[in-house]
Amino acid sequence: KASTLEAYTHQRYPFDRLVEELDLHRDVSRSAVFDVMVVLQNTRDIVDFDIDILDRNTVVEDLGPAVSKFDISFDFREVGGCLSLTLEYNEDVYDRFLIEGFIGHYFDFLAIMLDNVSTP
C-alpha cells in the first residue's frame, strides 16, 4: 500500500521524459511500453446476432490488411449474447499460420469452458 501511495507522487511524470532518461535502445516504430494489448469492451451493443459461437466457418472472418499499433491486439466485445473477438497483428512479427493457431486455441478454450461451466 505504501509503495502504491508513493507512486502517486510521480503520476504526473511525463512518459517521454521517462523513456529519455532510461536511455532505452528501442525501435521507434514499436510501442515503448508493451507489444500485446488485450481489451474487453463490455458495454452492451444494441445489435443482436444469432450465431453459433463455436462454428469456426461462420465466425472467423478476415477483414483484410490494416495498420496494427501493437505486435498483436485482442479486442473482445460483448455483442448481444455473444463474445466477439477482433484480432490485429503485425505481419512483421507474426504470420497468418500462427494467428490461425491462436484462433484455433481460442475456440478449443471456449469449448472446454462451456463443457466445464462449474470449474472456476
C-alpha atoms as a PDB file:
ATOM      1  CA  LYS A   1       0.000   0.000   0.000  1.00  0.00           C
ATOM      2  CA  ALA A   2       2.807   2.395   0.905  1.00  0.00           C
ATOM      3  CA  SER A   3       4.569   1.714  -2.412  1.00  0.00           C
ATOM      4  CA  THR A   4       1.386   2.450  -4.350  1.00  0.00           C
ATOM      5  CA  LEU A   5       0.739   5.659  -2.441  1.00  0.00           C
ATOM      6  CA  GLU A   6       4.338   6.750  -3.005  1.00  0.00           C
ATOM      7  CA  ALA A   7       3.951   6.069  -6.732  1.00  0.00           C
ATOM      8  CA  TYR A   8       1.066   8.555  -6.873  1.00  0.00           C
ATOM      9  CA  THR A   9       3.509  11.364  -6.101  1.00  0.00           C
ATOM     10  CA  HIS A  10       5.106  10.656  -9.500  1.00  0.00           C
ATOM     11  CA  GLN A  11       1.904  10.243 -11.506  1.00  0.00           C
ATOM     12  CA  ARG A  12       2.459  13.457 -13.469  1.00  0.00           C
ATOM     13  CA  TYR A  13       5.943  12.423 -14.599  1.00  0.00           C
ATOM     14  CA  PRO A  14       5.952  12.798 -18.419  1.00  0.00           C
ATOM     15  CA  PHE A  15       6.277   9.471 -20.214  1.00  0.00           C
ATOM     16  CA  ASP A  16       8.551  10.918 -22.913  1.00  0.00           C
ATOM     17  CA  ARG A  17      10.924  12.158 -20.226  1.00  0.00           C
ATOM     18  CA  LEU A  18      10.929   8.742 -18.539  1.00  0.00           C
ATOM     19  CA  VAL A  19      11.826   6.987 -21.788  1.00  0.00           C
ATOM     20  CA  GLU A  20      14.538   9.566 -22.492  1.00  0.00           C
ATOM     21  CA  GLU A  21      16.085   9.281 -19.025  1.00  0.00           C
ATOM     22  CA  LEU A  22      16.053   5.479 -19.092  1.00  0.00           C
ATOM     23  CA  ASP A  23      18.121   5.705 -22.272  1.00  0.00           C
ATOM     24  CA  LEU A  24      16.366   2.686 -23.757  1.00  0.00           C
ATOM     25  CA  HIS A  25      17.633   1.291 -27.021  1.00  0.00           C
ATOM     26  CA  ARG A  26      14.385   0.744 -28.818  1.00  0.00           C
ATOM     27  CA  ASP A  27      12.752   0.672 -32.205  1.00  0.00           C
ATOM     28  CA  VAL A  28      10.647   3.847 -32.532  1.00  0.00           C
ATOM     29  CA  SER A  29       8.260   2.026 -34.871  1.00  0.00           C
ATOM     30  CA  ARG A  30       7.120  -0.146 -31.934  1.00  0.00           C
ATOM     31  CA  SER A  31       5.339   0.695 -28.698  1.00  0.00           C
ATOM     32  CA  ALA A  32       7.704   1.736 -25.905  1.00  0.00           C
ATOM     33  CA  VAL A  33       5.629   0.178 -23.127  1.00  0.00           C
ATOM     34  CA  PHE A  34       4.093  -3.076 -24.374  1.00  0.00           C
ATOM     35  CA  ASP A  35       3.684  -5.165 -27.507  1.00  0.00           C
ATOM     36  CA  VAL A  36       0.463  -7.069 -26.756  1.00  0.00           C
ATOM     37  CA  MET A  37      -2.860  -5.446 -25.894  1.00  0.00           C
ATOM     38  CA  VAL A  38      -5.970  -7.212 -24.593  1.00  0.00           C
ATOM     39  CA  VAL A  39      -9.174  -5.174 -24.348  1.00  0.00           C
ATOM     40  CA  LEU A  40     -12.662  -6.119 -23.154  1.00  0.00           C
ATOM     41  CA  GLN A  41     -15.387  -3.758 -24.307  1.00  0.00           C
ATOM     42  CA  ASN A  42     -18.209  -4.876 -22.065  1.00  0.00           C
ATOM     43  CA  THR A  43     -20.705  -2.206 -22.987  1.00  0.00           C
ATOM     44  CA  ARG A  44     -23.833  -3.772 -24.390  1.00  0.00           C
ATOM     45  CA  ASP A  45     -24.418  -3.279 -28.120  1.00  0.00           C
ATOM     46  CA  ILE A  46     -27.956  -2.985 -29.427  1.00  0.00           C
ATOM     47  CA  VAL A  47     -27.255  -5.347 -32.314  1.00  0.00           C
ATOM     48  CA  ASP A  48     -28.146  -8.956 -31.522  1.00  0.00           C
ATOM     49  CA  PHE A  49     -26.654 -11.755 -33.616  1.00  0.00           C
ATOM     50  CA  ASP A  50     -27.981 -15.303 -33.715  1.00  0.00           C
ATOM     51  CA  ILE A  51     -24.792 -17.310 -34.296  1.00  0.00           C
ATOM     52  CA  ASP A  52     -23.209 -20.480 -33.002  1.00  0.00           C
ATOM     53  CA  ILE A  53     -20.103 -19.195 -31.237  1.00  0.00           C
ATOM     54  CA  LEU A  54     -18.171 -22.403 -31.874  1.00  0.00           C
ATOM     55  CA  ASP A  55     -18.869 -22.616 -35.618  1.00  0.00           C
ATOM     56  CA  ARG A  56     -15.467 -21.583 -36.970  1.00  0.00           C
ATOM     57  CA  ASN A  57     -16.676 -21.273 -40.550  1.00  0.00           C
ATOM     58  CA  THR A  58     -19.227 -18.562 -39.822  1.00  0.00           C
ATOM     59  CA  VAL A  59     -17.463 -16.646 -37.053  1.00  0.00           C
ATOM     60  CA  VAL A  60     -13.880 -16.199 -38.273  1.00  0.00           C
ATOM     61  CA  GLU A  61     -13.618 -13.504 -40.917  1.00  0.00           C
ATOM     62  CA  ASP A  62     -10.520 -11.929 -42.465  1.00  0.00           C
ATOM     63  CA  LEU A  63     -11.093  -8.173 -42.510  1.00  0.00           C
ATOM     64  CA  GLY A  64      -8.082  -7.558 -44.730  1.00  0.00           C
ATOM     65  CA  PRO A  65      -4.925  -5.584 -44.140  1.00  0.00           C
ATOM     66  CA  ALA A  66      -4.822  -2.830 -41.545  1.00  0.00           C
ATOM     67  CA  VAL A  67      -2.153  -0.915 -39.663  1.00  0.00           C
ATOM     68  CA  SER A  68      -1.567  -2.539 -36.286  1.00  0.00           C
ATOM     69  CA  LYS A  69      -0.417  -0.242 -33.474  1.00  0.00           C
ATOM     70  CA  PHE A  70       0.928  -3.195 -31.477  1.00  0.00           C
ATOM     71  CA  ASP A  71       2.530  -6.534 -32.284  1.00  0.00           C
ATOM     72  CA  ILE A  72      -0.811  -8.142 -31.509  1.00  0.00           C
ATOM     73  CA  SER A  73      -4.064  -6.878 -30.044  1.00  0.00           C
ATOM     74  CA  PHE A  74      -7.099  -8.824 -28.884  1.00  0.00           C
ATOM     75  CA  ASP A  75     -10.290  -6.751 -28.787  1.00  0.00           C
ATOM     76  CA  PHE A  76     -13.140  -8.629 -27.094  1.00  0.00           C
ATOM     77  CA  ARG A  77     -16.654  -7.174 -27.253  1.00  0.00           C
ATOM     78  CA  GLU A  78     -19.993  -8.269 -25.920  1.00  0.00           C
ATOM     79  CA  VAL A  79     -22.350  -8.368 -28.896  1.00  0.00           C
ATOM     80  CA  GLY A  80     -25.840  -9.423 -27.940  1.00  0.00           C
ATOM     81  CA  GLY A  81     -25.419 -12.674 -26.056  1.00  0.00           C
ATOM     82  CA  CYS A  82     -22.050 -13.437 -27.662  1.00  0.00           C
ATOM     83  CA  LEU A  83     -18.422 -12.561 -27.204  1.00  0.00           C
ATOM     84  CA  SER A  84     -16.811 -11.157 -30.350  1.00  0.00           C
ATOM     85  CA  LEU A  85     -13.051 -11.094 -30.883  1.00  0.00           C
ATOM     86  CA  THR A  86     -11.199  -8.827 -33.284  1.00  0.00           C
ATOM     87  CA  LEU A  87      -7.541  -9.715 -33.556  1.00  0.00           C
ATOM     88  CA  GLU A  88      -4.993  -7.398 -35.188  1.00  0.00           C
ATOM     89  CA  TYR A  89      -1.366  -8.334 -35.625  1.00  0.00           C
ATOM     90  CA  ASN A  90       1.836  -7.027 -37.079  1.00  0.00           C
ATOM     91  CA  GLU A  91       2.783  -9.199 -40.059  1.00  0.00           C
ATOM     92  CA  ASP A  92       6.458  -8.405 -39.452  1.00  0.00           C
ATOM     93  CA  VAL A  93       6.229 -10.234 -36.112  1.00  0.00           C
ATOM     94  CA  TYR A  94       3.522 -12.903 -36.592  1.00  0.00           C
ATOM     95  CA  ASP A  95       2.471 -14.878 -39.645  1.00  0.00           C
ATOM     96  CA  ARG A  96      -1.041 -15.914 -40.622  1.00  0.00           C
ATOM     97  CA  PHE A  97      -0.394 -19.572 -39.715  1.00  0.00           C
ATOM     98  CA  LEU A  98       0.468 -18.670 -36.104  1.00  0.00           C
ATOM     99  CA  ILE A  99      -2.544 -16.352 -35.793  1.00  0.00           C
ATOM    100  CA  GLU A 100      -4.848 -19.073 -37.119  1.00  0.00           C
ATOM    101  CA  GLY A 101      -3.329 -21.322 -34.446  1.00  0.00           C
ATOM    102  CA  PHE A 102      -4.162 -18.717 -31.773  1.00  0.00           C
ATOM    103  CA  ILE A 103      -7.739 -18.596 -33.004  1.00  0.00           C
ATOM    104  CA  GLY A 104      -7.941 -22.406 -33.004  1.00  0.00           C
ATOM    105  CA  HIS A 105      -6.707 -22.494 -29.397  1.00  0.00           C
ATOM    106  CA  TYR A 106      -9.237 -19.808 -28.504  1.00  0.00           C
ATOM    107  CA  PHE A 107     -12.079 -21.950 -29.888  1.00  0.00           C
ATOM    108  CA  ASP A 108     -10.735 -25.021 -28.063  1.00  0.00           C
ATOM    109  CA  PHE A 109     -10.557 -22.991 -24.846  1.00  0.00           C
ATOM    110  CA  LEU A 110     -14.165 -21.827 -25.276  1.00  0.00           C
ATOM    111  CA  ALA A 111     -15.372 -25.376 -25.923  1.00  0.00           C
ATOM    112  CA  ILE A 112     -13.615 -26.632 -22.765  1.00  0.00           C
ATOM    113  CA  MET A 113     -15.065 -23.766 -20.719  1.00  0.00           C
ATOM    114  CA  LEU A 114     -18.583 -24.469 -21.961  1.00  0.00           C
ATOM    115  CA  ASP A 115     -18.215 -28.180 -21.154  1.00  0.00           C
ATOM    116  CA  ASN A 116     -16.998 -27.364 -17.627  1.00  0.00           C
ATOM    117  CA  VAL A 117     -19.079 -24.392 -16.516  1.00  0.00           C
ATOM    118  CA  SER A 118     -18.783 -25.325 -12.819  1.00  0.00           C
ATOM    119  CA  THR A 119     -14.971 -25.157 -12.876  1.00  0.00           C
ATOM    120  CA  PRO A 120     -13.621 -21.826 -11.599  1.00  0.00           C
END
